[in-house]
C-alpha atoms as a PDB file:
ATOM      1  CA  MET A   1       0.177   0.116   0.025  1.00  0.00           C
ATOM      2  CA  MET A   2       1.076   3.459  -0.691  1.00  0.00           C
ATOM      3  CA  ASP A   3       0.949   5.753   1.983  1.00  0.00           C
ATOM      4  CA  ARG A   4       2.252   9.039   0.122  1.00  0.00           C
ATOM      5  CA  GLU A   5       0.407  10.960  -2.167  1.00  0.00           C
ATOM      6  CA  PHE A   6       0.968  10.988  -5.637  1.00  0.00           C
ATOM      7  CA  ASN A   7       1.558  14.823  -6.596  1.00  0.00           C
ATOM      8  CA  VAL A   8       1.918  15.477 -10.445  1.00  0.00           C
ATOM      9  CA  VAL A   9       3.822  19.002 -10.092  1.00  0.00           C
ATOM     10  CA  ASP A  10       6.241  17.438  -7.747  1.00  0.00           C
ATOM     11  CA  GLU A  11       6.921  14.738 -10.324  1.00  0.00           C
ATOM     12  CA  VAL A  12       7.362  17.180 -13.222  1.00  0.00           C
ATOM     13  CA  ARG A  13       9.855  19.180 -11.201  1.00  0.00           C
ATOM     14  CA  LYS A  14      11.877  15.989 -10.551  1.00  0.00           C
ATOM     15  CA  HIS A  15      12.103  15.097 -14.077  1.00  0.00           C
ATOM     16  CA  PRO A  16      12.119  18.369 -16.378  1.00  0.00           C
ATOM     17  CA  GLY A  17      13.841  16.299 -19.674  1.00  0.00           C
ATOM     18  CA  ILE A  18      10.914  13.768 -19.772  1.00  0.00           C
ATOM     19  CA  THR A  19       8.001  16.178 -19.159  1.00  0.00           C
ATOM     20  CA  ALA A  20       9.522  18.195 -22.279  1.00  0.00           C
ATOM     21  CA  GLY A  21       9.856  15.156 -24.387  1.00  0.00           C
ATOM     22  CA  VAL A  22       6.599  14.088 -23.203  1.00  0.00           C
ATOM     23  CA  VAL A  23       5.156  17.710 -24.635  1.00  0.00           C
ATOM     24  CA  ALA A  24       7.126  17.755 -27.688  1.00  0.00           C
ATOM     25  CA  VAL A  25       5.584  14.157 -28.726  1.00  0.00           C
ATOM     26  CA  LEU A  26       2.107  15.081 -28.046  1.00  0.00           C
ATOM     27  CA  ALA A  27       2.473  18.345 -29.999  1.00  0.00           C
ATOM     28  CA  GLY A  28       4.290  16.531 -32.741  1.00  0.00           C
ATOM     29  CA  VAL A  29       1.044  14.117 -32.769  1.00  0.00           C
ATOM     30  CA  GLY A  30      -1.352  16.929 -32.662  1.00  0.00           C
ATOM     31  CA  LEU A  31       0.365  18.730 -35.537  1.00  0.00           C
ATOM     32  CA  ALA A  32       0.345  15.496 -37.589  1.00  0.00           C
ATOM     33  CA  THR A  33      -3.285  14.706 -36.784  1.00  0.00           C
ATOM     34  CA  ILE A  34      -4.335  18.257 -38.159  1.00  0.00           C
ATOM     35  CA  LEU A  35      -2.363  18.013 -41.036  1.00  0.00           C
ATOM     36  CA  LEU A  36      -3.386  14.601 -41.997  1.00  0.00           C
ATOM     37  CA  ASN A  37      -6.937  15.302 -41.448  1.00  0.00           C
ATOM     38  CA  GLN A  38      -7.084  18.203 -43.856  1.00  0.00           C
ATOM     39  CA  ARG A  39      -9.372  17.564 -46.872  1.00  0.00           C
ATOM     40  CA  SER A  40      -7.221  18.990 -49.563  1.00  0.00           C
ATOM     41  CA  GLY A  41      -6.716  15.614 -51.301  1.00  0.00           C
ATOM     42  CA  PRO A  42      -3.637  14.021 -53.017  1.00  0.00           C
ATOM     43  CA  THR A  43      -1.979  17.567 -53.084  1.00  0.00           C
ATOM     44  CA  ARG A  44      -1.786  17.838 -49.273  1.00  0.00           C
ATOM     45  CA  TYR A  45       1.975  17.515 -49.058  1.00  0.00           C
ATOM     46  CA  GLU A  46       2.668  19.668 -52.064  1.00  0.00           C
ATOM     47  CA  ARG A  47       0.434  22.404 -50.441  1.00  0.00           C
ATOM     48  CA  ILE A  48       2.576  21.910 -47.076  1.00  0.00           C
ATOM     49  CA  LYS A  49       5.975  22.072 -49.119  1.00  0.00           C
ATOM     50  CA  THR A  50       4.751  25.149 -50.811  1.00  0.00           C
ATOM     51  CA  ARG A  51       3.687  27.207 -47.561  1.00  0.00           C
ATOM     52  CA  ILE A  52       7.195  25.982 -46.145  1.00  0.00           C
ATOM     53  CA  ASP A  53       8.926  27.407 -49.132  1.00  0.00           C
ATOM     54  CA  PRO A  54      10.171  30.917 -48.356  1.00  0.00           C
ATOM     55  CA  ARG A  55      10.566  31.619 -52.046  1.00  0.00           C
ATOM     56  CA  GLY A  56       6.583  31.830 -52.278  1.00  0.00           C
ATOM     57  CA  TRP A  57       6.476  33.990 -48.947  1.00  0.00           C
ATOM     58  CA  PHE A  58       6.728  37.351 -51.109  1.00  0.00           C
ATOM     59  CA  ASP A  59       5.705  38.181 -54.741  1.00  0.00           C
ATOM     60  CA  ALA A  60       9.013  38.680 -56.419  1.00  0.00           C
ATOM     61  CA  GLU A  61       7.294  40.406 -59.597  1.00  0.00           C
ATOM     62  CA  ALA A  62       5.577  42.980 -57.444  1.00  0.00           C
ATOM     63  CA  LEU A  63       8.608  43.560 -55.416  1.00  0.00           C
ATOM     64  CA  ARG A  64      10.458  44.337 -58.724  1.00  0.00           C
ATOM     65  CA  HIS A  65       7.779  46.790 -59.758  1.00  0.00           C
ATOM     66  CA  ARG A  66       8.137  48.608 -56.493  1.00  0.00           C
ATOM     67  CA  PHE A  67      11.735  48.880 -56.839  1.00  0.00           C
ATOM     68  CA  ASP A  68      11.194  50.377 -60.317  1.00  0.00           C
ATOM     69  CA  ASP A  69       8.803  52.703 -58.631  1.00  0.00           C
ATOM     70  CA  ILE A  70      11.315  53.444 -56.000  1.00  0.00           C
ATOM     71  CA  ALA A  71      13.957  54.127 -58.266  1.00  0.00           C
ATOM     72  CA  ARG A  72      11.666  56.381 -60.451  1.00  0.00           C
ATOM     73  CA  GLY A  73      10.967  58.337 -57.412  1.00  0.00           C
ATOM     74  CA  VAL A  74      14.616  58.852 -56.513  1.00  0.00           C
ATOM     75  CA  ARG A  75      15.676  59.921 -60.190  1.00  0.00           C
ATOM     76  CA  HIS A  76      12.718  62.275 -60.121  1.00  0.00           C
ATOM     77  CA  GLY A  77      13.665  63.538 -56.688  1.00  0.00           C
ATOM     78  CA  ALA A  78      17.273  63.793 -57.778  1.00  0.00           C
ATOM     79  CA  ASP A  79      16.005  66.096 -60.730  1.00  0.00           C
ATOM     80  CA  ASP A  80      14.035  68.063 -58.609  1.00  0.00           C
ATOM     81  CA  LEU A  81      16.824  68.575 -56.181  1.00  0.00           C
ATOM     82  CA  THR A  82      19.187  69.564 -59.255  1.00  0.00           C
ATOM     83  CA  HIS A  83      16.728  72.342 -60.149  1.00  0.00           C
ATOM     84  CA  ARG A  84      16.331  73.320 -56.636  1.00  0.00           C
ATOM     85  CA  ALA A  85      20.249  73.475 -56.202  1.00  0.00           C
ATOM     86  CA  ALA A  86      20.471  75.280 -59.671  1.00  0.00           C
ATOM     87  CA  ASP A  87      17.864  77.874 -58.348  1.00  0.00           C
ATOM     88  CA  LEU A  88      19.571  78.450 -54.972  1.00  0.00           C
ATOM     89  CA  GLY A  89      22.735  78.747 -56.812  1.00  0.00           C
ATOM     90  CA  ASP A  90      21.129  81.426 -59.136  1.00  0.00           C
ATOM     91  CA  TYR A  91      19.673  82.738 -55.965  1.00  0.00           C
ATOM     92  CA  ALA A  92      23.106  83.096 -53.885  1.00  0.00           C
ATOM     93  CA  HIS A  93      24.552  84.633 -57.147  1.00  0.00           C
ATOM     94  CA  GLU A  94      22.071  87.484 -57.393  1.00  0.00           C
ATOM     95  CA  ARG A  95      22.264  87.985 -53.578  1.00  0.00           C
ATOM     96  CA  ALA A  96      26.297  88.032 -53.875  1.00  0.00           C
ATOM     97  CA  GLY A  97      26.059  90.502 -56.789  1.00  0.00           C
ATOM     98  CA  ARG A  98      23.745  92.746 -54.776  1.00  0.00           C
ATOM     99  CA  PHE A  99      25.976  92.349 -51.587  1.00  0.00           C
ATOM    100  CA  GLY A 100      28.909  93.273 -53.918  1.00  0.00           C
ATOM    101  CA  ALA A 101      26.996  96.368 -55.480  1.00  0.00           C
ATOM    102  CA  ASP A 102      25.898  97.574 -52.058  1.00  0.00           C
ATOM    103  CA  ALA A 103      29.647  97.305 -50.624  1.00  0.00           C
ATOM    104  CA  ARG A 104      30.935  99.348 -53.441  1.00  0.00           C
ATOM    105  CA  ASP A 105      28.257 101.944 -52.998  1.00  0.00           C
ATOM    106  CA  ARG A 106      28.990 102.126 -49.475  1.00  0.00           C
ATOM    107  CA  ALA A 107      32.928 102.319 -50.058  1.00  0.00           C
ATOM    108  CA  ASP A 108      32.106 104.965 -52.763  1.00  0.00           C
ATOM    109  CA  GLN A 109      30.087 106.932 -50.307  1.00  0.00           C
ATOM    110  CA  TRP A 110      32.741 106.695 -47.505  1.00  0.00           C
ATOM    111  CA  TYR A 111      35.338 107.761 -49.814  1.00  0.00           C
ATOM    112  CA  ARG A 112      33.552 110.471 -50.858  1.00  0.00           C
ATOM    113  CA  ARG A 113      32.709 111.642 -47.609  1.00  0.00           C
ATOM    114  CA  ALA A 114      36.394 111.485 -46.427  1.00  0.00           C
ATOM    115  CA  ARG A 115      37.598 113.316 -49.597  1.00  0.00           C
ATOM    116  CA  LYS A 116      34.866 116.080 -48.724  1.00  0.00           C
ATOM    117  CA  LYS A 117      35.882 116.238 -45.205  1.00  0.00           C
ATOM    118  CA  SER A 118      39.678 116.153 -46.215  1.00  0.00           C
ATOM    119  CA  ARG A 119      39.186 118.989 -48.480  1.00  0.00           C
ATOM    120  CA  ARG A 120      38.037 121.333 -45.872  1.00  0.00           C
ATOM    121  CA  PRO A 121      41.308 121.157 -43.785  1.00  0.00           C
ATOM    122  CA  MET A 122      43.144 120.907 -47.161  1.00  0.00           C
ATOM    123  CA  ARG A 123      41.825 124.042 -48.082  1.00  0.00           C
ATOM    124  CA  ARG A 124      43.038 125.607 -44.796  1.00  0.00           C
ATOM    125  CA  TYR A 125      46.456 124.172 -44.705  1.00  0.00           C
ATOM    126  CA  THR A 126      46.709 125.274 -48.548  1.00  0.00           C
ATOM    127  CA  LYS A 127      46.316 128.759 -47.241  1.00  0.00           C
ATOM    128  CA  GLN A 128      48.569 128.276 -44.132  1.00  0.00           C
ATOM    129  CA  ALA A 129      51.154 126.632 -46.761  1.00  0.00           C
ATOM    130  CA  ARG A 130      50.809 129.634 -49.566  1.00  0.00           C
ATOM    131  CA  ARG A 131      51.314 132.160 -46.368  1.00  0.00           C
ATOM    132  CA  TYR A 132      54.288 130.093 -44.964  1.00  0.00           C
ATOM    133  CA  ALA A 133      55.776 130.007 -48.548  1.00  0.00           C
ATOM    134  CA  GLU A 134      55.476 133.853 -48.948  1.00  0.00           C
ATOM    135  CA  ASP A 135      57.050 134.293 -45.679  1.00  0.00           C
ATOM    136  CA  ALA A 136      59.808 132.142 -46.538  1.00  0.00           C
ATOM    137  CA  GLY A 137      60.004 133.717 -50.067  1.00  0.00           C
ATOM    138  CA  ASP A 138      60.111 137.409 -48.401  1.00  0.00           C
ATOM    139  CA  PHE A 139      62.717 136.038 -45.925  1.00  0.00           C
ATOM    140  CA  ALA A 140      64.942 134.729 -48.589  1.00  0.00           C
ATOM    141  CA  ARG A 141      64.854 137.811 -50.626  1.00  0.00           C
ATOM    142  CA  ASP A 142      65.459 139.902 -47.815  1.00  0.00           C
ATOM    143  CA  HIS A 143      68.547 137.933 -46.936  1.00  0.00           C
ATOM    144  CA  ALA A 144      69.338 137.939 -50.396  1.00  0.00           C
ATOM    145  CA  LYS A 145      69.426 141.737 -50.265  1.00  0.00           C
ATOM    146  CA  GLU A 146      71.247 141.640 -47.059  1.00  0.00           C
ATOM    147  CA  GLY A 147      73.831 139.114 -48.639  1.00  0.00           C
ATOM    148  CA  GLY A 148      74.213 141.161 -51.585  1.00  0.00           C
ATOM    149  CA  ALA A 149      74.807 144.125 -49.493  1.00  0.00           C
ATOM    150  CA  LEU A 150      77.337 142.010 -47.357  1.00  0.00           C
ATOM    151  CA  LEU A 151      79.005 140.790 -50.815  1.00  0.00           C
ATOM    152  CA  ALA A 152      79.353 144.459 -51.806  1.00  0.00           C
ATOM    153  CA  VAL A 153      80.671 145.601 -48.338  1.00  0.00           C
ATOM    154  CA  ALA A 154      83.104 142.497 -48.363  1.00  0.00           C
ATOM    155  CA  THR A 155      84.187 143.521 -52.010  1.00  0.00           C
ATOM    156  CA  ILE A 156      84.818 147.069 -51.276  1.00  0.00           C
ATOM    157  CA  ALA A 157      86.437 145.821 -47.794  1.00  0.00           C
ATOM    158  CA  ALA A 158      88.955 143.799 -50.096  1.00  0.00           C
ATOM    159  CA  ALA A 159      89.270 146.600 -52.703  1.00  0.00           C
ATOM    160  CA  ILE A 160      90.371 148.906 -49.767  1.00  0.00           C
ATOM    161  CA  GLY A 161      92.521 146.257 -48.013  1.00  0.00           C
ATOM    162  CA  ALA A 162      94.131 145.459 -51.523  1.00  0.00           C
ATOM    163  CA  ALA A 163      94.828 149.224 -52.047  1.00  0.00           C
ATOM    164  CA  ALA A 164      96.199 149.558 -48.483  1.00  0.00           C
ATOM    165  CA  LEU A 165      98.579 146.688 -49.189  1.00  0.00           C
ATOM    166  CA  GLU A 166      99.623 147.798 -52.355  1.00  0.00           C
ATOM    167  CA  SER A 167     100.206 151.484 -50.719  1.00  0.00           C
ATOM    168  CA  ARG A 168     102.345 149.716 -48.003  1.00  0.00           C
ATOM    169  CA  ARG A 169     104.383 147.915 -50.521  1.00  0.00           C
ATOM    170  CA  ARG A 170     105.204 150.830 -52.470  1.00  0.00           C
ATOM    171  CA  ALA A 171     105.952 152.712 -49.261  1.00  0.00           C
ATOM    172  CA  GLY A 172     108.419 150.195 -48.163  1.00  0.00           C
ATOM    173  CA  ASN A 173     109.935 149.638 -51.721  1.00  0.00           C
ATOM    174  CA  SER A 174     110.613 153.402 -52.070  1.00  0.00           C
ATOM    175  CA  GLY A 175     112.299 153.888 -48.629  1.00  0.00           C
ATOM    176  CA  ARG A 176     114.823 150.907 -49.379  1.00  0.00           C
END
């Protein structure tokens, strides 16, 4: 007689490999029963085979058309992108031209203002320079007159000195 109680859960825990094997065998038998009881006639195995074949899982022709559509879309997008890039380049060229023209105009304005501002002091400095040149010319003329007078005095003094020296020589030669 068995005193112990039989517990299925405890037995499954004790033998996990046997339990897994039994579950796998039962699942296989169930699957085989389902497959063999289908009412598909003699093509039953062919249908199973085509369902398992991965080449039949997708439509290659439809996929090819889809890739053609994608390629066409990419080409069209590239053409559109090319046109947009050309338009952007034209716009950038136009903006750069306007920027250059604006910069040139501003530089011309600054140059004109600088010239105009520099003319006022130049006029004043021109007047000063003329006045200084006139003063220098007057000074040179005055000194030239003074120099001419000094030269004349020096010439007269040299003539007097030469005459005096000559008279001394005569006086010294006659007394001998």
